[in-house]
Amino acid sequence: METIYNIDFAINDAIAKLNNPFLDVIMNFFSFLAHSGWIWILLAFVLLFFRKTRVLGVAMAVALVFSVLVTNLTLKPIFDRPRPYQMRPELLDIIGNRTALPDDASFPSGHTSASFAGAVALFLQRKKYKKAGTAFGFSALAVACIIAFSRLYFYVHFPSDVFVGMIIGITGGILSWLLAPRLLPLANRFFDKFYSLFRKKEPVPAAAPAAPDASAEKAPVNPAEAPADPADPVDPIEASADPVAANAPDPIQDKK
């Protein structure tokens, strides 16, 4: 263990020689991005809201949850390793007020673990988005590397803290690559139900009046019930069948 500490402090001392006000601003910015992993959590949350990028959000969520469980909830409490400046108080003269000094356990680096978990999750999904996905994936990895270096630059982590944090993050990213396709349908169903709560329900149209029955219109009419057409000629046989016509006086008989 003493050998590991000697190597860690030697690397930290070499990086400390790079300290300057310009780098302080840059490193503070990148270190702030990964504070409590908020930038990666926010990015995963945004990607989850759109169906086209939801697989990226699912992958990042899986990787980040794995990182928190292993780093913050398991290894940090178990090892409870002090920070470099806590083991060597004289380092406070080097660090000064250049950055915020965390007081939780040093091993492993939570900033590094979360950053590589999110970046590797994005990188492994890059082929689904062609050139844009490749550029986005490599950019995420570059940001993760700068964040990891910033923790060494400010002497708040040992190199071994950062190295193990990288391993955990990469493992979480690979795990997310395996699980994301299986969890994507579940995420789609959840967000479909979520969005349905905000959609306006369209009014149900009133029922249209029933159309007249065509068969009733074309039903044959009983000739006996049909009204007589004055233009139609009268059949004498049918006229004789009329009881009124039958009782009429015969003009020939009257002459006799």
C-alpha atoms as a PDB file:
ATOM      1  CA  MET A   1       0.000   0.000   0.000  1.00  0.00           C
ATOM      2  CA  GLU A   2       2.853   2.375   0.733  1.00  0.00           C
ATOM      3  CA  THR A   3       4.216   1.770  -2.769  1.00  0.00           C
ATOM      4  CA  ILE A   4       0.861   2.760  -4.279  1.00  0.00           C
ATOM      5  CA  TYR A   5       0.823   5.958  -2.204  1.00  0.00           C
ATOM      6  CA  ASN A   6       4.368   6.803  -3.291  1.00  0.00           C
ATOM      7  CA  ILE A   7       3.436   6.413  -6.964  1.00  0.00           C
ATOM      8  CA  ASP A   8       0.235   8.400  -6.470  1.00  0.00           C
ATOM      9  CA  PHE A   9       1.981  11.314  -4.798  1.00  0.00           C
ATOM     10  CA  ALA A  10       4.765  11.322  -7.393  1.00  0.00           C
ATOM     11  CA  ILE A  11       2.216  11.688 -10.215  1.00  0.00           C
ATOM     12  CA  ASN A  12       0.270  14.335  -8.297  1.00  0.00           C
ATOM     13  CA  ASP A  13       3.435  16.341  -7.657  1.00  0.00           C
ATOM     14  CA  ALA A  14       4.355  16.231 -11.356  1.00  0.00           C
ATOM     15  CA  ILE A  15       0.900  17.458 -12.412  1.00  0.00           C
ATOM     16  CA  ALA A  16       0.955  20.192  -9.754  1.00  0.00           C
ATOM     17  CA  LYS A  17       3.837  21.846 -11.628  1.00  0.00           C
ATOM     18  CA  LEU A  18       1.369  22.713 -14.427  1.00  0.00           C
ATOM     19  CA  ASN A  19      -0.688  24.948 -12.156  1.00  0.00           C
ATOM     20  CA  ASN A  20      -1.403  28.421 -13.541  1.00  0.00           C
ATOM     21  CA  PRO A  21      -4.374  30.834 -13.407  1.00  0.00           C
ATOM     22  CA  PHE A  22      -5.451  30.115 -16.992  1.00  0.00           C
ATOM     23  CA  LEU A  23      -5.613  26.352 -16.456  1.00  0.00           C
ATOM     24  CA  ASP A  24      -7.322  26.919 -13.119  1.00  0.00           C
ATOM     25  CA  VAL A  25     -10.294  28.479 -14.917  1.00  0.00           C
ATOM     26  CA  ILE A  26     -10.529  25.702 -17.495  1.00  0.00           C
ATOM     27  CA  MET A  27     -10.120  22.870 -15.006  1.00  0.00           C
ATOM     28  CA  ASN A  28     -12.609  24.397 -12.585  1.00  0.00           C
ATOM     29  CA  PHE A  29     -15.157  24.593 -15.402  1.00  0.00           C
ATOM     30  CA  PHE A  30     -14.798  20.934 -16.374  1.00  0.00           C
ATOM     31  CA  SER A  31     -14.658  19.793 -12.773  1.00  0.00           C
ATOM     32  CA  PHE A  32     -17.871  21.686 -12.079  1.00  0.00           C
ATOM     33  CA  LEU A  33     -19.614  19.955 -15.007  1.00  0.00           C
ATOM     34  CA  ALA A  34     -19.279  16.586 -13.312  1.00  0.00           C
ATOM     35  CA  HIS A  35     -20.078  17.716  -9.775  1.00  0.00           C
ATOM     36  CA  SER A  36     -22.541  15.076  -8.548  1.00  0.00           C
ATOM     37  CA  GLY A  37     -22.659  13.962 -12.188  1.00  0.00           C
ATOM     38  CA  TRP A  38     -25.267  16.635 -12.958  1.00  0.00           C
ATOM     39  CA  ILE A  39     -24.258  17.301 -16.572  1.00  0.00           C
ATOM     40  CA  TRP A  40     -24.493  13.614 -17.477  1.00  0.00           C
ATOM     41  CA  ILE A  41     -27.769  13.173 -15.601  1.00  0.00           C
ATOM     42  CA  LEU A  42     -29.252  16.226 -17.324  1.00  0.00           C
ATOM     43  CA  LEU A  43     -28.103  15.018 -20.738  1.00  0.00           C
ATOM     44  CA  ALA A  44     -29.603  11.560 -20.161  1.00  0.00           C
ATOM     45  CA  PHE A  45     -32.867  13.155 -19.034  1.00  0.00           C
ATOM     46  CA  VAL A  46     -33.091  15.303 -22.194  1.00  0.00           C
ATOM     47  CA  LEU A  47     -32.276  12.396 -24.510  1.00  0.00           C
ATOM     48  CA  LEU A  48     -34.987  10.257 -22.920  1.00  0.00           C
ATOM     49  CA  PHE A  49     -37.722  12.717 -23.926  1.00  0.00           C
ATOM     50  CA  PHE A  50     -37.282  12.208 -27.677  1.00  0.00           C
ATOM     51  CA  ARG A  51     -38.005   8.890 -29.354  1.00  0.00           C
ATOM     52  CA  LYS A  52     -35.131   9.239 -31.848  1.00  0.00           C
ATOM     53  CA  THR A  53     -32.549   9.670 -29.061  1.00  0.00           C
ATOM     54  CA  ARG A  54     -34.254   7.622 -26.361  1.00  0.00           C
ATOM     55  CA  VAL A  55     -31.888   4.684 -26.721  1.00  0.00           C
ATOM     56  CA  LEU A  56     -29.029   7.059 -25.811  1.00  0.00           C
ATOM     57  CA  GLY A  57     -30.903   8.253 -22.742  1.00  0.00           C
ATOM     58  CA  VAL A  58     -31.657   4.686 -21.648  1.00  0.00           C
ATOM     59  CA  ALA A  59     -28.018   3.681 -22.111  1.00  0.00           C
ATOM     60  CA  MET A  60     -26.757   6.664 -20.128  1.00  0.00           C
ATOM     61  CA  ALA A  61     -29.274   6.065 -17.348  1.00  0.00           C
ATOM     62  CA  VAL A  62     -28.188   2.436 -16.967  1.00  0.00           C
ATOM     63  CA  ALA A  63     -24.494   3.383 -16.918  1.00  0.00           C
ATOM     64  CA  LEU A  64     -24.971   6.207 -14.404  1.00  0.00           C
ATOM     65  CA  VAL A  65     -27.054   4.076 -12.040  1.00  0.00           C
ATOM     66  CA  PHE A  66     -24.340   1.415 -12.145  1.00  0.00           C
ATOM     67  CA  SER A  67     -21.696   4.064 -11.417  1.00  0.00           C
ATOM     68  CA  VAL A  68     -23.552   5.421  -8.387  1.00  0.00           C
ATOM     69  CA  LEU A  69     -24.239   1.970  -6.941  1.00  0.00           C
ATOM     70  CA  VAL A  70     -20.632   0.791  -7.240  1.00  0.00           C
ATOM     71  CA  THR A  71     -18.765   4.036  -6.525  1.00  0.00           C
ATOM     72  CA  ASN A  72     -20.802   6.099  -4.102  1.00  0.00           C
ATOM     73  CA  LEU A  73     -22.857   3.465  -2.320  1.00  0.00           C
ATOM     74  CA  THR A  74     -20.349   0.594  -2.159  1.00  0.00           C
ATOM     75  CA  LEU A  75     -16.631   1.333  -2.582  1.00  0.00           C
ATOM     76  CA  LYS A  76     -16.419   4.781  -1.013  1.00  0.00           C
ATOM     77  CA  PRO A  77     -17.993   3.671   2.298  1.00  0.00           C
ATOM     78  CA  ILE A  78     -15.942   0.475   2.349  1.00  0.00           C
ATOM     79  CA  PHE A  79     -12.484   1.993   1.747  1.00  0.00           C
ATOM     80  CA  ASP A  80     -13.117   5.471   3.188  1.00  0.00           C
ATOM     81  CA  ARG A  81      -9.787   6.643   1.784  1.00  0.00           C
ATOM     82  CA  PRO A  82      -8.694  10.173   2.756  1.00  0.00           C
ATOM     83  CA  ARG A  83      -8.031  12.821   0.123  1.00  0.00           C
ATOM     84  CA  PRO A  84      -4.433  13.703  -0.839  1.00  0.00           C
ATOM     85  CA  TYR A  85      -4.602  17.122   0.836  1.00  0.00           C
ATOM     86  CA  GLN A  86      -5.966  15.448   3.993  1.00  0.00           C
ATOM     87  CA  MET A  87      -2.946  13.164   4.165  1.00  0.00           C
ATOM     88  CA  ARG A  88      -0.510  15.984   3.429  1.00  0.00           C
ATOM     89  CA  PRO A  89      -1.859  19.256   4.859  1.00  0.00           C
ATOM     90  CA  GLU A  90       1.026  21.183   3.318  1.00  0.00           C
ATOM     91  CA  LEU A  91      -0.674  20.643  -0.041  1.00  0.00           C
ATOM     92  CA  LEU A  92      -3.269  23.207   0.988  1.00  0.00           C
ATOM     93  CA  ASP A  93      -0.647  25.854   0.232  1.00  0.00           C
ATOM     94  CA  ILE A  94      -0.545  24.534  -3.354  1.00  0.00           C
ATOM     95  CA  ILE A  95      -4.298  24.149  -3.711  1.00  0.00           C
ATOM     96  CA  GLY A  96      -5.150  27.358  -1.872  1.00  0.00           C
ATOM     97  CA  ASN A  97      -8.575  28.706  -2.839  1.00  0.00           C
ATOM     98  CA  ARG A  98      -8.304  27.542  -6.448  1.00  0.00           C
ATOM     99  CA  THR A  99     -11.130  25.029  -6.228  1.00  0.00           C
ATOM    100  CA  ALA A 100     -13.757  23.548  -3.922  1.00  0.00           C
ATOM    101  CA  LEU A 101     -12.367  20.897  -1.599  1.00  0.00           C
ATOM    102  CA  PRO A 102     -14.629  17.852  -1.180  1.00  0.00           C
ATOM    103  CA  ASP A 103     -14.611  16.099   2.182  1.00  0.00           C
ATOM    104  CA  ASP A 104     -16.054  12.688   1.293  1.00  0.00           C
ATOM    105  CA  ALA A 105     -13.996   9.549   0.636  1.00  0.00           C
ATOM    106  CA  SER A 106     -11.400   9.759  -2.097  1.00  0.00           C
ATOM    107  CA  PHE A 107     -11.525   6.218  -3.536  1.00  0.00           C
ATOM    108  CA  PRO A 108     -12.744   5.876  -6.222  1.00  0.00           C
ATOM    109  CA  SER A 109     -13.306   9.158  -8.066  1.00  0.00           C
ATOM    110  CA  GLY A 110     -17.027   9.803  -8.445  1.00  0.00           C
ATOM    111  CA  HIS A 111     -16.453  12.547 -11.028  1.00  0.00           C
ATOM    112  CA  THR A 112     -14.416  10.163 -13.170  1.00  0.00           C
ATOM    113  CA  SER A 113     -16.743   7.212 -12.737  1.00  0.00           C
ATOM    114  CA  ALA A 114     -19.873   9.146 -13.728  1.00  0.00           C
ATOM    115  CA  SER A 115     -18.123  10.893 -16.609  1.00  0.00           C
ATOM    116  CA  PHE A 116     -16.792   7.735 -18.213  1.00  0.00           C
ATOM    117  CA  ALA A 117     -20.067   5.902 -17.605  1.00  0.00           C
ATOM    118  CA  GLY A 118     -22.012   8.553 -19.520  1.00  0.00           C
ATOM    119  CA  ALA A 119     -19.371   9.066 -22.217  1.00  0.00           C
ATOM    120  CA  VAL A 120     -18.825   5.371 -22.957  1.00  0.00           C
ATOM    121  CA  ALA A 121     -22.586   4.784 -23.072  1.00  0.00           C
ATOM    122  CA  LEU A 122     -22.855   7.473 -25.752  1.00  0.00           C
ATOM    123  CA  PHE A 123     -19.776   6.282 -27.606  1.00  0.00           C
ATOM    124  CA  LEU A 124     -20.993   2.683 -27.917  1.00  0.00           C
ATOM    125  CA  GLN A 125     -24.303   3.836 -29.427  1.00  0.00           C
ATOM    126  CA  ARG A 126     -22.630   6.131 -31.977  1.00  0.00           C
ATOM    127  CA  LYS A 127     -23.146   3.879 -35.046  1.00  0.00           C
ATOM    128  CA  LYS A 128     -26.919   4.352 -34.867  1.00  0.00           C
ATOM    129  CA  TYR A 129     -26.444   8.058 -35.607  1.00  0.00           C
ATOM    130  CA  LYS A 130     -23.687   7.831 -38.245  1.00  0.00           C
ATOM    131  CA  LYS A 131     -21.268  10.794 -38.404  1.00  0.00           C
ATOM    132  CA  ALA A 132     -23.145  12.885 -35.855  1.00  0.00           C
ATOM    133  CA  GLY A 133     -23.127  10.003 -33.379  1.00  0.00           C
ATOM    134  CA  THR A 134     -19.401   9.418 -33.877  1.00  0.00           C
ATOM    135  CA  ALA A 135     -18.579  13.096 -33.318  1.00  0.00           C
ATOM    136  CA  PHE A 136     -20.822  13.216 -30.266  1.00  0.00           C
ATOM    137  CA  GLY A 137     -19.330  10.027 -28.811  1.00  0.00           C
ATOM    138  CA  PHE A 138     -15.709  11.126 -29.217  1.00  0.00           C
ATOM    139  CA  SER A 139     -16.520  14.573 -27.812  1.00  0.00           C
ATOM    140  CA  ALA A 140     -18.074  12.977 -24.727  1.00  0.00           C
ATOM    141  CA  LEU A 141     -14.968  10.850 -24.190  1.00  0.00           C
ATOM    142  CA  ALA A 142     -12.740  13.920 -24.512  1.00  0.00           C
ATOM    143  CA  VAL A 143     -14.790  15.774 -21.905  1.00  0.00           C
ATOM    144  CA  ALA A 144     -14.608  12.767 -19.567  1.00  0.00           C
ATOM    145  CA  CYS A 145     -10.818  12.660 -19.888  1.00  0.00           C
ATOM    146  CA  ILE A 146     -10.465  16.376 -19.074  1.00  0.00           C
ATOM    147  CA  ILE A 147     -12.762  15.988 -16.066  1.00  0.00           C
ATOM    148  CA  ALA A 148     -10.650  13.080 -14.791  1.00  0.00           C
ATOM    149  CA  PHE A 149      -7.453  15.103 -15.248  1.00  0.00           C
ATOM    150  CA  SER A 150      -8.946  18.093 -13.442  1.00  0.00           C
ATOM    151  CA  ARG A 151      -9.327  15.989 -10.295  1.00  0.00           C
ATOM    152  CA  LEU A 152      -5.579  15.287 -10.346  1.00  0.00           C
ATOM    153  CA  TYR A 153      -4.748  18.851 -11.307  1.00  0.00           C
ATOM    154  CA  PHE A 154      -6.349  20.199  -8.137  1.00  0.00           C
ATOM    155  CA  TYR A 155      -4.865  17.481  -5.925  1.00  0.00           C
ATOM    156  CA  VAL A 156      -8.292  16.292  -4.722  1.00  0.00           C
ATOM    157  CA  HIS A 157      -7.823  12.714  -5.969  1.00  0.00           C
ATOM    158  CA  PHE A 158      -5.046  10.190  -6.264  1.00  0.00           C
ATOM    159  CA  PRO A 159      -4.261   8.733  -9.705  1.00  0.00           C
ATOM    160  CA  SER A 160      -5.397   5.325  -8.435  1.00  0.00           C
ATOM    161  CA  ASP A 161      -8.771   6.891  -7.511  1.00  0.00           C
ATOM    162  CA  VAL A 162      -9.147   8.181 -11.046  1.00  0.00           C
ATOM    163  CA  PHE A 163      -7.970   4.943 -12.646  1.00  0.00           C
ATOM    164  CA  VAL A 164     -10.482   2.797 -10.756  1.00  0.00           C
ATOM    165  CA  GLY A 165     -13.180   5.372 -11.471  1.00  0.00           C
ATOM    166  CA  MET A 166     -12.434   4.995 -15.177  1.00  0.00           C
ATOM    167  CA  ILE A 167     -12.719   1.207 -14.953  1.00  0.00           C
ATOM    168  CA  ILE A 168     -16.079   1.448 -13.195  1.00  0.00           C
ATOM    169  CA  GLY A 169     -17.384   3.968 -15.712  1.00  0.00           C
ATOM    170  CA  ILE A 170     -16.265   1.907 -18.707  1.00  0.00           C
ATOM    171  CA  THR A 171     -17.845  -1.202 -17.201  1.00  0.00           C
ATOM    172  CA  GLY A 172     -21.106   0.671 -16.705  1.00  0.00           C
ATOM    173  CA  GLY A 173     -20.995   1.869 -20.316  1.00  0.00           C
ATOM    174  CA  ILE A 174     -20.519  -1.666 -21.635  1.00  0.00           C
ATOM    175  CA  LEU A 175     -23.336  -2.923 -19.406  1.00  0.00           C
ATOM    176  CA  SER A 176     -25.608  -0.197 -20.767  1.00  0.00           C
ATOM    177  CA  TRP A 177     -24.778  -1.229 -24.347  1.00  0.00           C
ATOM    178  CA  LEU A 178     -26.042  -4.736 -23.537  1.00  0.00           C
ATOM    179  CA  LEU A 179     -29.158  -3.705 -21.612  1.00  0.00           C
ATOM    180  CA  ALA A 180     -30.360  -0.606 -23.473  1.00  0.00           C
ATOM    181  CA  PRO A 181     -32.025  -2.469 -26.402  1.00  0.00           C
ATOM    182  CA  ARG A 182     -33.987  -4.623 -23.943  1.00  0.00           C
ATOM    183  CA  LEU A 183     -35.088  -1.690 -21.811  1.00  0.00           C
ATOM    184  CA  LEU A 184     -35.977   0.591 -24.741  1.00  0.00           C
ATOM    185  CA  PRO A 185     -39.508  -0.853 -25.339  1.00  0.00           C
ATOM    186  CA  LEU A 186     -40.314  -0.364 -21.664  1.00  0.00           C
ATOM    187  CA  ALA A 187     -39.126   3.245 -21.817  1.00  0.00           C
ATOM    188  CA  ASN A 188     -41.188   3.856 -24.968  1.00  0.00           C
ATOM    189  CA  ARG A 189     -44.355   2.573 -23.292  1.00  0.00           C
ATOM    190  CA  PHE A 190     -43.711   4.712 -20.226  1.00  0.00           C
ATOM    191  CA  PHE A 191     -43.220   7.924 -22.192  1.00  0.00           C
ATOM    192  CA  ASP A 192     -46.175   7.194 -24.478  1.00  0.00           C
ATOM    193  CA  LYS A 193     -48.418   6.997 -21.412  1.00  0.00           C
ATOM    194  CA  PHE A 194     -46.745  10.084 -19.944  1.00  0.00           C
ATOM    195  CA  TYR A 195     -47.340  12.151 -23.095  1.00  0.00           C
ATOM    196  CA  SER A 196     -50.947  10.947 -23.331  1.00  0.00           C
ATOM    197  CA  LEU A 197     -51.677  12.825 -20.099  1.00  0.00           C
ATOM    198  CA  PHE A 198     -50.974  16.137 -21.851  1.00  0.00           C
ATOM    199  CA  ARG A 199     -52.694  15.494 -25.176  1.00  0.00           C
ATOM    200  CA  LYS A 200     -56.035  17.230 -25.729  1.00  0.00           C
ATOM    201  CA  LYS A 201     -58.843  14.762 -26.067  1.00  0.00           C
ATOM    202  CA  GLU A 202     -60.785  15.368 -29.292  1.00  0.00           C
ATOM    203  CA  PRO A 203     -64.577  15.742 -28.874  1.00  0.00           C
ATOM    204  CA  VAL A 204     -66.591  12.735 -29.965  1.00  0.00           C
ATOM    205  CA  PRO A 205     -68.586  13.687 -33.122  1.00  0.00           C
ATOM    206  CA  ALA A 206     -72.386  13.543 -32.888  1.00  0.00           C
ATOM    207  CA  ALA A 207     -74.030  10.512 -34.423  1.00  0.00           C
ATOM    208  CA  ALA A 208     -75.209  11.186 -38.009  1.00  0.00           C
ATOM    209  CA  PRO A 209     -78.953  10.639 -38.759  1.00  0.00           C
ATOM    210  CA  ALA A 210     -79.740   7.244 -40.167  1.00  0.00           C
ATOM    211  CA  ALA A 211     -79.965   7.178 -43.963  1.00  0.00           C
ATOM    212  CA  PRO A 212     -83.322   6.196 -45.433  1.00  0.00           C
ATOM    213  CA  ASP A 213     -83.629   2.585 -46.402  1.00  0.00           C
ATOM    214  CA  ALA A 214     -83.157   2.346 -50.164  1.00  0.00           C
ATOM    215  CA  SER A 215     -85.039  -0.934 -50.265  1.00  0.00           C
ATOM    216  CA  ALA A 216     -88.109   0.783 -48.783  1.00  0.00           C
ATOM    217  CA  GLU A 217     -88.023   3.447 -51.493  1.00  0.00           C
ATOM    218  CA  LYS A 218     -87.874   0.861 -54.242  1.00  0.00           C
ATOM    219  CA  ALA A 219     -90.556  -1.434 -52.768  1.00  0.00           C
ATOM    220  CA  PRO A 220     -93.183  -2.404 -55.363  1.00  0.00           C
ATOM    221  CA  VAL A 221     -96.478  -0.571 -55.084  1.00  0.00           C
ATOM    222  CA  ASN A 222     -99.770  -2.555 -55.011  1.00  0.00           C
ATOM    223  CA  PRO A 223    -101.626  -1.593 -58.172  1.00  0.00           C
ATOM    224  CA  ALA A 224    -104.928  -1.625 -56.290  1.00  0.00           C
ATOM    225  CA  GLU A 225    -103.594   0.919 -53.824  1.00  0.00           C
ATOM    226  CA  ALA A 226    -101.912   3.149 -56.398  1.00  0.00           C
ATOM    227  CA  PRO A 227    -103.755   6.380 -57.230  1.00  0.00           C
ATOM    228  CA  ALA A 228    -105.311   6.519 -60.674  1.00  0.00           C
ATOM    229  CA  ASP A 229    -103.629   8.578 -63.288  1.00  0.00           C
ATOM    230  CA  PRO A 230    -106.141  10.612 -65.263  1.00  0.00           C
ATOM    231  CA  ALA A 231    -104.016  10.312 -68.365  1.00  0.00           C
ATOM    232  CA  ASP A 232    -104.182   6.501 -68.348  1.00  0.00           C
ATOM    233  CA  PRO A 233    -106.913   4.955 -70.601  1.00  0.00           C
ATOM    234  CA  VAL A 234    -109.629   3.082 -68.786  1.00  0.00           C
ATOM    235  CA  ASP A 235    -109.958  -0.589 -69.577  1.00  0.00           C
ATOM    236  CA  PRO A 236    -113.681  -1.290 -70.345  1.00  0.00           C
ATOM    237  CA  ILE A 237    -113.454  -4.698 -68.783  1.00  0.00           C
ATOM    238  CA  GLU A 238    -112.065  -3.224 -65.598  1.00  0.00           C
ATOM    239  CA  ALA A 239    -114.681  -0.474 -65.747  1.00  0.00           C
ATOM    240  CA  SER A 240    -117.476  -3.031 -65.945  1.00  0.00           C
ATOM    241  CA  ALA A 241    -116.113  -4.653 -62.926  1.00  0.00           C
ATOM    242  CA  ASP A 242    -116.749  -1.486 -61.051  1.00  0.00           C
ATOM    243  CA  PRO A 243    -120.020  -1.856 -59.115  1.00  0.00           C
ATOM    244  CA  VAL A 244    -120.990   1.731 -59.845  1.00  0.00           C
ATOM    245  CA  ALA A 245    -120.563   1.205 -63.567  1.00  0.00           C
ATOM    246  CA  ALA A 246    -122.468  -2.099 -63.395  1.00  0.00           C
ATOM    247  CA  ASN A 247    -125.590  -0.418 -61.941  1.00  0.00           C
ATOM    248  CA  ALA A 248    -125.622   2.357 -64.510  1.00  0.00           C
ATOM    249  CA  PRO A 249    -128.694   2.257 -66.960  1.00  0.00           C
ATOM    250  CA  ASP A 250    -128.125   0.679 -70.361  1.00  0.00           C
ATOM    251  CA  PRO A 251    -128.900   3.217 -73.106  1.00  0.00           C
ATOM    252  CA  ILE A 252    -130.037   0.453 -75.587  1.00  0.00           C
ATOM    253  CA  GLN A 253    -132.572  -1.007 -73.186  1.00  0.00           C
ATOM    254  CA  ASP A 254    -133.968   2.456 -72.489  1.00  0.00           C
ATOM    255  CA  LYS A 255    -134.704   2.983 -76.209  1.00  0.00           C
ATOM    256  CA  LYS A 256    -136.711  -0.212 -76.418  1.00  0.00           C
END
